[in-house]
C-alpha atoms as a PDB file:
ATOM      1  CA  UNK A   1    -118.498  53.113  23.574  1.00  0.00           C
ATOM      2  CA  UNK A   2    -121.925  54.312  24.652  1.00  0.00           C
ATOM      3  CA  UNK A   3    -123.210  57.873  24.785  1.00  0.00           C
ATOM      4  CA  UNK A   4    -123.268  58.748  28.468  1.00  0.00           C
ATOM      5  CA  UNK A   5    -125.447  61.779  27.849  1.00  0.00           C
ATOM      6  CA  UNK A   6    -127.968  62.082  25.038  1.00  0.00           C
ATOM      7  CA  UNK A   7    -129.498  65.382  23.964  1.00  0.00           C
ATOM      8  CA  UNK A   8    -133.180  64.529  23.519  1.00  0.00           C
ATOM      9  CA  UNK A   9    -134.020  67.357  21.100  1.00  0.00           C
ATOM     10  CA  UNK A  10    -131.153  66.700  18.671  1.00  0.00           C
ATOM     11  CA  UNK A  11    -131.646  64.040  16.036  1.00  0.00           C
ATOM     12  CA  UNK A  12    -128.454  62.698  14.478  1.00  0.00           C
ATOM     13  CA  UNK A  13    -128.626  62.123  10.746  1.00  0.00           C
ATOM     14  CA  UNK A  14    -127.212  59.105   8.939  1.00  0.00           C
ATOM     15  CA  UNK A  15    -125.737  61.171   6.093  1.00  0.00           C
ATOM     16  CA  UNK A  16    -124.343  64.696   6.071  1.00  0.00           C
ATOM     17  CA  UNK A  17    -126.236  66.639   3.405  1.00  0.00           C
ATOM     18  CA  UNK A  18    -126.132  70.364   2.738  1.00  0.00           C
ATOM     19  CA  UNK A  19    -129.595  70.639   4.286  1.00  0.00           C
ATOM     20  CA  UNK A  20    -128.476  68.876   7.471  1.00  0.00           C
ATOM     21  CA  UNK A  21    -125.420  71.129   7.764  1.00  0.00           C
ATOM     22  CA  UNK A  22    -127.444  74.317   7.264  1.00  0.00           C
ATOM     23  CA  UNK A  23    -130.046  73.203   9.820  1.00  0.00           C
ATOM     24  CA  UNK A  24    -127.335  72.432  12.407  1.00  0.00           C
ATOM     25  CA  UNK A  25    -125.646  75.772  11.790  1.00  0.00           C
ATOM     26  CA  UNK A  26    -128.883  77.706  12.265  1.00  0.00           C
ATOM     27  CA  UNK A  27    -129.591  75.884  15.528  1.00  0.00           C
ATOM     28  CA  UNK A  28    -126.034  76.567  16.661  1.00  0.00           C
ATOM     29  CA  UNK A  29    -126.358  80.292  15.938  1.00  0.00           C
ATOM     30  CA  UNK A  30    -129.390  80.479  18.241  1.00  0.00           C
ATOM     31  CA  UNK A  31    -127.676  78.447  20.953  1.00  0.00           C
ATOM     32  CA  UNK A  32    -124.551  80.617  20.839  1.00  0.00           C
ATOM     33  CA  UNK A  33    -126.616  83.684  21.678  1.00  0.00           C
ATOM     34  CA  UNK A  34    -128.340  81.846  24.535  1.00  0.00           C
ATOM     35  CA  UNK A  35    -124.995  80.655  25.932  1.00  0.00           C
ATOM     36  CA  UNK A  36    -123.648  84.202  25.739  1.00  0.00           C
ATOM     37  CA  UNK A  37    -126.637  85.574  27.637  1.00  0.00           C
ATOM     38  CA  UNK A  38    -126.353  82.920  30.356  1.00  0.00           C
ATOM     39  CA  UNK A  39    -122.606  83.517  30.678  1.00  0.00           C
ATOM     40  CA  UNK A  40    -123.240  87.256  31.113  1.00  0.00           C
ATOM     41  CA  UNK A  41    -125.656  86.446  33.930  1.00  0.00           C
ATOM     42  CA  UNK A  42    -123.168  84.000  35.476  1.00  0.00           C
ATOM     43  CA  UNK A  43    -120.462  86.675  35.328  1.00  0.00           C
ATOM     44  CA  UNK A  44    -122.650  89.246  37.087  1.00  0.00           C
ATOM     45  CA  UNK A  45    -123.937  86.653  39.564  1.00  0.00           C
ATOM     46  CA  UNK A  46    -120.371  85.765  40.525  1.00  0.00           C
ATOM     47  CA  UNK A  47    -120.976  82.421  42.232  1.00  0.00           C
ATOM     48  CA  UNK A  48    -120.500  79.822  39.501  1.00  0.00           C
ATOM     49  CA  UNK A  49    -117.971  79.070  36.808  1.00  0.00           C
ATOM     50  CA  UNK A  50    -117.875  76.384  34.113  1.00  0.00           C
ATOM     51  CA  UNK A  51    -115.143  74.028  32.949  1.00  0.00           C
ATOM     52  CA  UNK A  52    -115.550  72.498  29.491  1.00  0.00           C
ATOM     53  CA  UNK A  53    -113.124  69.624  28.851  1.00  0.00           C
ATOM     54  CA  UNK A  54    -112.505  68.485  25.276  1.00  0.00           C
ATOM     55  CA  UNK A  55    -110.790  65.205  24.475  1.00  0.00           C
ATOM     56  CA  UNK A  56    -110.459  63.340  21.206  1.00  0.00           C
ATOM     57  CA  UNK A  57    -108.071  61.757  18.782  1.00  0.00           C
ATOM     58  CA  UNK A  58    -106.074  63.964  16.418  1.00  0.00           C
ATOM     59  CA  UNK A  59    -108.290  65.731  13.816  1.00  0.00           C
ATOM     60  CA  UNK A  60    -111.450  65.197  15.884  1.00  0.00           C
ATOM     61  CA  UNK A  61    -112.304  68.886  15.514  1.00  0.00           C
ATOM     62  CA  UNK A  62    -111.564  70.384  18.926  1.00  0.00           C
ATOM     63  CA  UNK A  63    -110.132  73.690  17.678  1.00  0.00           C
ATOM     64  CA  UNK A  64    -112.903  74.468  15.216  1.00  0.00           C
ATOM     65  CA  UNK A  65    -115.530  73.410  17.759  1.00  0.00           C
ATOM     66  CA  UNK A  66    -114.187  75.933  20.271  1.00  0.00           C
ATOM     67  CA  UNK A  67    -114.212  78.651  17.634  1.00  0.00           C
ATOM     68  CA  UNK A  68    -117.778  77.962  16.515  1.00  0.00           C
ATOM     69  CA  UNK A  69    -119.448  77.226  19.858  1.00  0.00           C
ATOM     70  CA  UNK A  70    -118.038  80.230  21.743  1.00  0.00           C
ATOM     71  CA  UNK A  71    -118.070  82.758  18.887  1.00  0.00           C
ATOM     72  CA  UNK A  72    -120.733  84.947  20.543  1.00  0.00           C
ATOM     73  CA  UNK A  73    -119.484  84.739  24.144  1.00  0.00           C
ATOM     74  CA  UNK A  74    -117.957  87.954  25.477  1.00  0.00           C
ATOM     75  CA  UNK A  75    -114.149  87.753  25.216  1.00  0.00           C
ATOM     76  CA  UNK A  76    -113.842  88.463  28.935  1.00  0.00           C
ATOM     77  CA  UNK A  77    -116.092  85.495  29.716  1.00  0.00           C
ATOM     78  CA  UNK A  78    -114.262  82.544  28.144  1.00  0.00           C
ATOM     79  CA  UNK A  79    -110.658  81.426  28.571  1.00  0.00           C
ATOM     80  CA  UNK A  80    -109.154  78.639  26.448  1.00  0.00           C
ATOM     81  CA  UNK A  81    -106.132  76.562  27.479  1.00  0.00           C
ATOM     82  CA  UNK A  82    -104.455  74.170  25.062  1.00  0.00           C
ATOM     83  CA  UNK A  83    -102.301  71.769  27.039  1.00  0.00           C
ATOM     84  CA  UNK A  84     -99.164  70.544  25.285  1.00  0.00           C
ATOM     85  CA  UNK A  85     -96.237  68.420  26.492  1.00  0.00           C
ATOM     86  CA  UNK A  86     -95.538  69.425  30.136  1.00  0.00           C
ATOM     87  CA  UNK A  87     -92.821  72.029  30.580  1.00  0.00           C
ATOM     88  CA  UNK A  88     -89.825  71.564  32.845  1.00  0.00           C
ATOM     89  CA  UNK A  89     -91.538  73.675  35.499  1.00  0.00           C
ATOM     90  CA  UNK A  90     -94.804  71.748  35.231  1.00  0.00           C
ATOM     91  CA  UNK A  91     -92.956  68.455  35.649  1.00  0.00           C
ATOM     92  CA  UNK A  92     -91.672  69.707  39.001  1.00  0.00           C
ATOM     93  CA  UNK A  93     -95.245  69.589  40.318  1.00  0.00           C
ATOM     94  CA  UNK A  94     -97.867  66.859  40.587  1.00  0.00           C
ATOM     95  CA  UNK A  95     -99.734  65.978  37.391  1.00  0.00           C
ATOM     96  CA  UNK A  96    -102.832  68.029  38.271  1.00  0.00           C
ATOM     97  CA  UNK A  97    -100.995  71.242  39.199  1.00  0.00           C
ATOM     98  CA  UNK A  98    -100.932  72.891  35.775  1.00  0.00           C
ATOM     99  CA  UNK A  99    -104.639  72.204  35.341  1.00  0.00           C
ATOM    100  CA  UNK A 100    -105.504  73.519  38.787  1.00  0.00           C
ATOM    101  CA  UNK A 101    -103.852  76.894  38.160  1.00  0.00           C
ATOM    102  CA  UNK A 102    -105.647  77.197  34.801  1.00  0.00           C
ATOM    103  CA  UNK A 103    -109.163  76.826  36.228  1.00  0.00           C
ATOM    104  CA  UNK A 104    -111.581  79.654  35.363  1.00  0.00           C
ATOM    105  CA  UNK A 105    -112.512  82.191  38.001  1.00  0.00           C
ATOM    106  CA  UNK A 106    -116.104  82.611  39.114  1.00  0.00           C
ATOM    107  CA  UNK A 107    -118.304  83.945  36.347  1.00  0.00           C
ATOM    108  CA  UNK A 108    -116.200  82.622  33.484  1.00  0.00           C
ATOM    109  CA  UNK A 109    -116.153  79.597  31.203  1.00  0.00           C
ATOM    110  CA  UNK A 110    -112.818  77.790  30.959  1.00  0.00           C
ATOM    111  CA  UNK A 111    -112.180  75.473  28.021  1.00  0.00           C
ATOM    112  CA  UNK A 112    -109.463  72.834  28.268  1.00  0.00           C
ATOM    113  CA  UNK A 113    -108.374  71.765  24.790  1.00  0.00           C
ATOM    114  CA  UNK A 114    -106.899  68.446  25.827  1.00  0.00           C
ATOM    115  CA  UNK A 115    -107.112  68.079  29.554  1.00  0.00           C
ATOM    116  CA  UNK A 116    -105.924  66.434  32.752  1.00  0.00           C
ATOM    117  CA  UNK A 117    -107.118  63.169  31.155  1.00  0.00           C
ATOM    118  CA  UNK A 118    -104.006  63.145  28.978  1.00  0.00           C
ATOM    119  CA  UNK A 119    -102.320  61.881  32.157  1.00  0.00           C
ATOM    120  CA  UNK A 120    -104.295  58.626  31.999  1.00  0.00           C
ATOM    121  CA  UNK A 121    -104.520  58.381  28.217  1.00  0.00           C
ATOM    122  CA  UNK A 122    -101.327  59.400  26.408  1.00  0.00           C
ATOM    123  CA  UNK A 123     -99.159  58.362  29.345  1.00  0.00           C
ATOM    124  CA  UNK A 124    -100.886  54.990  29.460  1.00  0.00           C
ATOM    125  CA  UNK A 125    -100.175  54.392  25.777  1.00  0.00           C
ATOM    126  CA  UNK A 126     -96.655  55.791  26.235  1.00  0.00           C
ATOM    127  CA  UNK A 127     -95.777  54.929  29.869  1.00  0.00           C
ATOM    128  CA  UNK A 128     -92.198  56.130  29.389  1.00  0.00           C
ATOM    129  CA  UNK A 129     -93.531  59.700  29.576  1.00  0.00           C
ATOM    130  CA  UNK A 130     -94.299  59.188  33.276  1.00  0.00           C
ATOM    131  CA  UNK A 131     -90.595  58.794  34.047  1.00  0.00           C
ATOM    132  CA  UNK A 132     -90.123  62.497  33.355  1.00  0.00           C
ATOM    133  CA  UNK A 133     -92.270  63.279  36.410  1.00  0.00           C
ATOM    134  CA  UNK A 134     -89.600  61.860  38.735  1.00  0.00           C
ATOM    135  CA  UNK A 135     -92.112  60.199  41.055  1.00  0.00           C
ATOM    136  CA  UNK A 136     -90.194  58.581  43.948  1.00  0.00           C
ATOM    137  CA  UNK A 137     -92.073  55.265  43.795  1.00  0.00           C
ATOM    138  CA  UNK A 138     -91.646  54.824  40.024  1.00  0.00           C
ATOM    139  CA  UNK A 139     -88.273  53.360  39.068  1.00  0.00           C
ATOM    140  CA  UNK A 140     -89.154  52.093  35.585  1.00  0.00           C
ATOM    141  CA  UNK A 141     -92.128  51.551  33.264  1.00  0.00           C
ATOM    142  CA  UNK A 142     -92.541  48.129  34.896  1.00  0.00           C
ATOM    143  CA  UNK A 143     -93.958  49.950  37.932  1.00  0.00           C
ATOM    144  CA  UNK A 144     -96.752  51.477  35.836  1.00  0.00           C
ATOM    145  CA  UNK A 145     -99.557  48.953  36.086  1.00  0.00           C
ATOM    146  CA  UNK A 146    -103.341  49.377  35.941  1.00  0.00           C
ATOM    147  CA  UNK A 147    -103.407  50.218  39.642  1.00  0.00           C
ATOM    148  CA  UNK A 148    -101.191  53.248  39.043  1.00  0.00           C
ATOM    149  CA  UNK A 149    -103.519  54.664  36.391  1.00  0.00           C
ATOM    150  CA  UNK A 150    -106.676  53.800  38.309  1.00  0.00           C
ATOM    151  CA  UNK A 151    -105.252  55.650  41.326  1.00  0.00           C
ATOM    152  CA  UNK A 152    -104.726  58.636  39.069  1.00  0.00           C
ATOM    153  CA  UNK A 153    -108.340  58.403  37.939  1.00  0.00           C
ATOM    154  CA  UNK A 154    -109.405  58.395  41.595  1.00  0.00           C
ATOM    155  CA  UNK A 155    -107.345  61.563  42.081  1.00  0.00           C
ATOM    156  CA  UNK A 156    -109.079  63.106  39.066  1.00  0.00           C
ATOM    157  CA  UNK A 157    -112.484  62.188  40.499  1.00  0.00           C
ATOM    158  CA  UNK A 158    -111.553  63.855  43.793  1.00  0.00           C
ATOM    159  CA  UNK A 159    -110.240  66.916  41.954  1.00  0.00           C
ATOM    160  CA  UNK A 160    -113.437  67.312  39.941  1.00  0.00           C
ATOM    161  CA  UNK A 161    -115.636  66.730  43.004  1.00  0.00           C
ATOM    162  CA  UNK A 162    -113.726  69.412  44.891  1.00  0.00           C
ATOM    163  CA  UNK A 163    -114.102  72.065  42.204  1.00  0.00           C
ATOM    164  CA  UNK A 164    -117.737  71.087  41.619  1.00  0.00           C
ATOM    165  CA  UNK A 165    -118.501  71.470  45.323  1.00  0.00           C
ATOM    166  CA  UNK A 166    -117.044  74.969  45.097  1.00  0.00           C
ATOM    167  CA  UNK A 167    -119.326  76.180  42.318  1.00  0.00           C
ATOM    168  CA  UNK A 168    -117.717  74.945  39.110  1.00  0.00           C
ATOM    169  CA  UNK A 169    -119.974  73.308  36.522  1.00  0.00           C
ATOM    170  CA  UNK A 170    -117.873  70.528  34.973  1.00  0.00           C
ATOM    171  CA  UNK A 171    -118.681  69.082  31.535  1.00  0.00           C
ATOM    172  CA  UNK A 172    -116.454  66.616  29.683  1.00  0.00           C
ATOM    173  CA  UNK A 173    -116.731  65.797  25.986  1.00  0.00           C
ATOM    174  CA  UNK A 174    -115.084  62.959  24.092  1.00  0.00           C
ATOM    175  CA  UNK A 175    -115.240  63.705  20.367  1.00  0.00           C
ATOM    176  CA  UNK A 176    -115.686  60.164  19.125  1.00  0.00           C
ATOM    177  CA  UNK A 177    -114.092  60.186  15.670  1.00  0.00           C
ATOM    178  CA  UNK A 178    -114.031  57.077  13.482  1.00  0.00           C
ATOM    179  CA  UNK A 179    -110.724  55.780  12.184  1.00  0.00           C
ATOM    180  CA  UNK A 180    -111.907  56.104   8.573  1.00  0.00           C
ATOM    181  CA  UNK A 181    -112.838  59.753   9.056  1.00  0.00           C
ATOM    182  CA  UNK A 182    -109.489  60.498  10.677  1.00  0.00           C
ATOM    183  CA  UNK A 183    -107.830  59.057   7.572  1.00  0.00           C
ATOM    184  CA  UNK A 184    -109.911  61.392   5.387  1.00  0.00           C
ATOM    185  CA  UNK A 185    -108.991  64.429   7.475  1.00  0.00           C
ATOM    186  CA  UNK A 186    -105.284  63.582   7.497  1.00  0.00           C
ATOM    187  CA  UNK A 187    -105.351  63.166   3.717  1.00  0.00           C
ATOM    188  CA  UNK A 188    -107.073  66.533   3.430  1.00  0.00           C
ATOM    189  CA  UNK A 189    -104.227  68.135   5.350  1.00  0.00           C
ATOM    190  CA  UNK A 190    -101.781  66.592   2.906  1.00  0.00           C
ATOM    191  CA  UNK A 191    -103.769  67.369  -0.236  1.00  0.00           C
ATOM    192  CA  UNK A 192    -104.551  71.017   0.515  1.00  0.00           C
ATOM    193  CA  UNK A 193    -101.378  73.091   0.570  1.00  0.00           C
ATOM    194  CA  UNK A 194    -102.563  75.679   3.079  1.00  0.00           C
ATOM    195  CA  UNK A 195    -103.467  72.813   5.457  1.00  0.00           C
ATOM    196  CA  UNK A 196    -100.042  71.120   5.220  1.00  0.00           C
ATOM    197  CA  UNK A 197     -98.751  72.869   8.330  1.00  0.00           C
ATOM    198  CA  UNK A 198    -101.301  71.000  10.455  1.00  0.00           C
ATOM    199  CA  UNK A 199     -99.840  67.627   9.495  1.00  0.00           C
ATOM    200  CA  UNK A 200     -97.185  65.855  11.552  1.00  0.00           C
ATOM    201  CA  UNK A 201     -95.602  62.458  10.815  1.00  0.00           C
ATOM    202  CA  UNK A 202     -96.287  61.732  14.471  1.00  0.00           C
ATOM    203  CA  UNK A 203     -99.995  61.611  13.600  1.00  0.00           C
ATOM    204  CA  UNK A 204     -99.374  58.452  11.601  1.00  0.00           C
ATOM    205  CA  UNK A 205     -97.410  56.857  14.433  1.00  0.00           C
ATOM    206  CA  UNK A 206    -100.209  57.555  16.899  1.00  0.00           C
ATOM    207  CA  UNK A 207    -102.770  56.253  14.412  1.00  0.00           C
ATOM    208  CA  UNK A 208    -101.112  52.850  14.558  1.00  0.00           C
ATOM    209  CA  UNK A 209    -101.992  52.799  18.263  1.00  0.00           C
ATOM    210  CA  UNK A 210    -105.680  53.508  17.621  1.00  0.00           C
ATOM    211  CA  UNK A 211    -107.105  50.431  19.352  1.00  0.00           C
ATOM    212  CA  UNK A 212    -105.000  50.954  22.443  1.00  0.00           C
ATOM    213  CA  UNK A 213    -106.149  54.565  22.696  1.00  0.00           C
ATOM    214  CA  UNK A 214    -109.780  53.485  22.372  1.00  0.00           C
ATOM    215  CA  UNK A 215    -109.367  50.981  25.217  1.00  0.00           C
ATOM    216  CA  UNK A 216    -107.776  53.655  27.421  1.00  0.00           C
ATOM    217  CA  UNK A 217    -110.550  56.147  26.645  1.00  0.00           C
ATOM    218  CA  UNK A 218    -113.247  53.618  27.460  1.00  0.00           C
ATOM    219  CA  UNK A 219    -111.660  52.705  30.792  1.00  0.00           C
ATOM    220  CA  UNK A 220    -111.115  56.346  31.769  1.00  0.00           C
ATOM    221  CA  UNK A 221    -114.626  57.407  30.817  1.00  0.00           C
ATOM    222  CA  UNK A 222    -116.205  54.461  32.653  1.00  0.00           C
ATOM    223  CA  UNK A 223    -114.273  55.259  35.827  1.00  0.00           C
ATOM    224  CA  UNK A 224    -114.717  59.039  35.822  1.00  0.00           C
ATOM    225  CA  UNK A 225    -118.270  59.551  34.575  1.00  0.00           C
ATOM    226  CA  UNK A 226    -119.955  61.200  37.566  1.00  0.00           C
ATOM    227  CA  UNK A 227    -123.151  63.181  38.119  1.00  0.00           C
ATOM    228  CA  UNK A 228    -121.094  66.205  39.145  1.00  0.00           C
ATOM    229  CA  UNK A 229    -118.725  65.813  36.166  1.00  0.00           C
ATOM    230  CA  UNK A 230    -120.491  63.914  33.369  1.00  0.00           C
ATOM    231  CA  UNK A 231    -118.953  62.656  30.153  1.00  0.00           C
ATOM    232  CA  UNK A 232    -120.648  63.250  26.804  1.00  0.00           C
ATOM    233  CA  UNK A 233    -119.536  60.861  24.074  1.00  0.00           C
ATOM    234  CA  UNK A 234    -120.142  62.908  20.926  1.00  0.00           C
ATOM    235  CA  UNK A 235    -120.203  61.434  17.390  1.00  0.00           C
ATOM    236  CA  UNK A 236    -117.542  63.587  15.719  1.00  0.00           C
ATOM    237  CA  UNK A 237    -117.487  62.489  12.059  1.00  0.00           C
ATOM    238  CA  UNK A 238    -120.073  65.195  11.344  1.00  0.00           C
ATOM    239  CA  UNK A 239    -118.578  68.452  12.658  1.00  0.00           C
ATOM    240  CA  UNK A 240    -121.746  70.631  12.520  1.00  0.00           C
ATOM    241  CA  UNK A 241    -123.742  68.096  14.514  1.00  0.00           C
ATOM    242  CA  UNK A 242    -120.898  67.583  17.012  1.00  0.00           C
ATOM    243  CA  UNK A 243    -120.728  71.334  17.631  1.00  0.00           C
ATOM    244  CA  UNK A 244    -124.481  71.484  18.074  1.00  0.00           C
ATOM    245  CA  UNK A 245    -124.491  68.638  20.616  1.00  0.00           C
ATOM    246  CA  UNK A 246    -121.747  70.297  22.666  1.00  0.00           C
ATOM    247  CA  UNK A 247    -123.437  73.708  22.559  1.00  0.00           C
ATOM    248  CA  UNK A 248    -126.771  72.204  23.615  1.00  0.00           C
ATOM    249  CA  UNK A 249    -125.162  70.414  26.554  1.00  0.00           C
ATOM    250  CA  UNK A 250    -123.434  73.601  27.685  1.00  0.00           C
ATOM    251  CA  UNK A 251    -126.602  75.649  27.480  1.00  0.00           C
ATOM    252  CA  UNK A 252    -128.682  72.986  29.236  1.00  0.00           C
ATOM    253  CA  UNK A 253    -126.157  72.845  32.093  1.00  0.00           C
ATOM    254  CA  UNK A 254    -126.173  76.630  32.491  1.00  0.00           C
ATOM    255  CA  UNK A 255    -129.958  76.773  32.319  1.00  0.00           C
ATOM    256  CA  UNK A 256    -130.301  73.982  34.905  1.00  0.00           C
ATOM    257  CA  UNK A 257    -128.692  76.272  37.483  1.00  0.00           C
ATOM    258  CA  UNK A 258    -131.803  78.426  37.749  1.00  0.00           C
ATOM    259  CA  UNK A 259    -130.410  80.396  40.682  1.00  0.00           C
ATOM    260  CA  UNK A 260    -128.003  82.139  38.281  1.00  0.00           C
ATOM    261  CA  UNK A 261    -129.430  85.598  37.697  1.00  0.00           C
ATOM    262  CA  UNK A 262    -128.106  89.085  37.212  1.00  0.00           C
ATOM    263  CA  UNK A 263    -128.067  91.086  40.463  1.00  0.00           C
ATOM    264  CA  UNK A 264    -130.537  93.941  40.809  1.00  0.00           C
ATOM    265  CA  UNK A 265    -129.564  97.498  41.574  1.00  0.00           C
ATOM    266  CA  UNK A 266    -129.920  98.134  45.342  1.00  0.00           C
ATOM    267  CA  UNK A 267    -133.329  99.538  46.242  1.00  0.00           C
ATOM    268  CA  UNK A 268    -131.899 102.862  47.449  1.00  0.00           C
ATOM    269  CA  UNK A 269    -130.311 103.453  44.022  1.00  0.00           C
ATOM    270  CA  UNK A 270    -133.323 102.063  42.162  1.00  0.00           C
ATOM    271  CA  UNK A 271    -135.479 104.734  43.759  1.00  0.00           C
ATOM    272  CA  UNK A 272    -133.146 107.448  42.481  1.00  0.00           C
ATOM    273  CA  UNK A 273    -132.944 106.361  38.832  1.00  0.00           C
ATOM    274  CA  UNK A 274    -135.062 109.216  37.527  1.00  0.00           C
ATOM    275  CA  UNK A 275    -132.922 111.711  39.423  1.00  0.00           C
ATOM    276  CA  UNK A 276    -129.754 110.192  37.974  1.00  0.00           C
ATOM    277  CA  UNK A 277    -131.213 110.469  34.464  1.00  0.00           C
ATOM    278  CA  UNK A 278    -132.161 114.102  35.076  1.00  0.00           C
ATOM    279  CA  UNK A 279    -128.670 114.900  36.373  1.00  0.00           C
ATOM    280  CA  UNK A 280    -127.075 113.472  33.227  1.00  0.00           C
ATOM    281  CA  UNK A 281    -129.563 115.099  30.841  1.00  0.00           C
ATOM    282  CA  UNK A 282    -129.084 118.481  32.524  1.00  0.00           C
ATOM    283  CA  UNK A 283    -125.300 118.510  32.009  1.00  0.00           C
END
């Protein structure tokens, strides 16, 4: 699976040494502050928002990435949604409904931890899940062919084009974890007592379907990689570097919208600033 977007000023290292980790962390600290400043300007500007979509196999590092990348962003400026199995209410709507109502308002960054792409990934590996949506044309899993999922991808493309046309900056990241590294991380959850709660036997069942998931990811990414909603395929075995790549992409996208700027105080108030100061100081 190729990298659809490459950050030119980030060099990936072959081995993860302490020096590499420290260097990535220092770069990330600087980027976090820059992202925070740009988000503040976007909030005041009030015309754009950003949607950050995170996809990846279990243990790919989505939760910790969110924590580390957005640590310095004002709490009012970032909203995180973690999408689980659809609720009974959500299943009474079309598959994009619950994602539509979770979109960030203008000025904010929304992070989808697992996304609308679950509907062409997990459901493609487990087509029986679709039956719970009660779609009139679907009588059994035999009706769920490639055309069905490709039509859903077309709907996703239209959805992302619509929100992009209305001022939302859409970035999509696939945390590309190796199967060997997933094994190491699952074993870590089992070996460290305080990490045991993160482990589920279902992780092992899904792991057996690794190749099928990879095929589904590749097809989905190929069909939905668009200029207005690009995919970034991020090497995820090295968490510090993965976080740095994502942060750099987010900052670059915010910076590219050079019309985002904080509004200025109206001229009539600007002219009275000294008088306002005097009024306050004279209290």
